[in-house]
């Protein structure tokens, strides 16, 4: 069995994809099936936003949250955490 030497292993470099930068921020590609976040006027109008439980789990739309809750806002149609320890539902609508 042939084992390449350490020098040969270091010579092979991984191909890197070019990073697209626009106005100093990295541009991320969105998945085609990602739920759109409503505009701020609707998000923060404080009327008709009710948490409801769904059969399917989804990623929480609050920034910096990695939760996968079953709770969804009836007006915004986005999944948000709604627990005593993590109340992203309230933070999302402030």
Protein backbone atom coordinates (compact mmCIF):
# COMPACT_ATOMS: atom_id res chain seq x y z
CA UNK A 1 0.00 0.00 0.00
CA UNK A 2 1.34 3.41 -1.01
CA UNK A 3 1.24 6.21 1.57
CA UNK A 4 2.13 9.67 0.26
CA UNK A 5 4.77 11.54 2.17
CA UNK A 6 3.87 14.60 4.21
CA UNK A 7 5.36 16.92 1.57
CA UNK A 8 3.13 15.46 -1.18
CA UNK A 9 0.01 15.79 0.95
CA UNK A 10 0.69 19.48 1.61
CA UNK A 11 1.16 20.22 -2.08
CA UNK A 12 -2.46 19.37 -2.88
CA UNK A 13 -4.56 22.37 -2.03
CA UNK A 14 -8.29 22.51 -1.92
CA UNK A 15 -10.05 24.59 -4.50
CA UNK A 16 -11.65 27.64 -3.01
CA UNK A 17 -14.74 29.31 -4.37
CA UNK A 18 -14.53 33.05 -4.93
CA UNK A 19 -16.26 35.09 -2.22
CA UNK A 20 -18.68 37.65 -3.55
CA UNK A 21 -18.59 40.89 -1.62
CA UNK A 22 -21.02 43.76 -2.06
CA UNK A 23 -20.68 46.94 -0.01
CA UNK A 24 -18.44 45.27 2.55
CA UNK A 25 -20.80 42.39 3.37
CA UNK A 26 -20.72 38.84 2.15
CA UNK A 27 -23.56 37.94 -0.22
CA UNK A 28 -25.31 34.70 0.73
CA UNK A 29 -27.37 32.65 -1.66
CA UNK A 30 -30.86 31.95 -0.36
CA UNK A 31 -32.37 28.54 -0.68
CA UNK A 32 -35.24 28.57 -3.17
CA UNK A 33 -37.72 27.22 -0.63
CA UNK A 34 -36.80 29.63 2.19
CA UNK A 35 -39.80 31.39 3.74
CA UNK A 36 -39.73 35.13 3.06
CA UNK A 37 -39.63 37.43 6.09
CA UNK A 38 -42.43 40.03 5.99
CA UNK A 39 -41.66 43.73 5.70
CA UNK A 40 -41.14 45.64 8.95
CA UNK A 41 -44.42 47.56 8.70
CA UNK A 42 -46.40 44.30 8.84
CA UNK A 43 -44.00 42.65 11.27
CA UNK A 44 -44.29 45.41 13.87
CA UNK A 45 -47.89 46.58 13.49
CA UNK A 46 -48.89 44.70 16.71
CA UNK A 47 -52.21 43.46 15.32
CA UNK A 48 -53.21 39.92 14.39
CA UNK A 49 -49.95 38.19 15.33
CA UNK A 50 -50.87 34.95 17.10
CA UNK A 51 -48.64 31.95 17.79
CA UNK A 52 -49.99 28.65 16.52
CA UNK A 53 -48.58 25.13 16.67
CA UNK A 54 -47.89 23.34 13.39
CA UNK A 55 -47.22 19.70 12.54
CA UNK A 56 -44.00 20.55 10.70
CA UNK A 57 -40.91 22.10 12.29
CA UNK A 58 -39.08 25.01 10.68
CA UNK A 59 -36.03 27.17 11.35
CA UNK A 60 -36.57 30.17 13.60
CA UNK A 61 -36.43 33.42 11.60
CA UNK A 62 -35.11 35.55 14.48
CA UNK A 63 -31.48 36.52 13.72
CA UNK A 64 -28.86 34.70 15.81
CA UNK A 65 -31.26 31.88 16.76
CA UNK A 66 -30.65 28.30 15.70
CA UNK A 67 -33.92 26.89 17.04
CA UNK A 68 -36.24 24.63 15.05
CA UNK A 69 -39.67 25.27 16.61
CA UNK A 70 -43.16 24.03 15.76
CA UNK A 71 -44.66 27.46 16.52
CA UNK A 72 -45.61 29.78 13.65
CA UNK A 73 -46.99 33.33 13.54
CA UNK A 74 -50.46 33.25 11.93
CA UNK A 75 -49.99 36.63 10.19
CA UNK A 76 -46.31 36.52 9.20
CA UNK A 77 -46.29 32.78 8.35
CA UNK A 78 -42.78 32.28 9.81
CA UNK A 79 -41.54 29.85 12.45
CA UNK A 80 -40.39 31.42 15.72
CA UNK A 81 -39.29 30.05 19.12
CA UNK A 82 -41.95 30.51 21.80
CA UNK A 83 -40.70 29.00 25.08
CA UNK A 84 -40.03 30.45 28.55
CA UNK A 85 -36.27 30.34 27.91
CA UNK A 86 -36.33 31.61 24.31
CA UNK A 87 -39.12 33.99 23.30
CA UNK A 88 -38.15 34.85 19.72
CA UNK A 89 -41.83 35.42 18.90
CA UNK A 90 -41.89 38.57 21.04
CA UNK A 91 -38.44 39.79 19.92
CA UNK A 92 -39.33 39.33 16.22
CA UNK A 93 -42.41 41.57 16.54
CA UNK A 94 -40.85 44.42 18.60
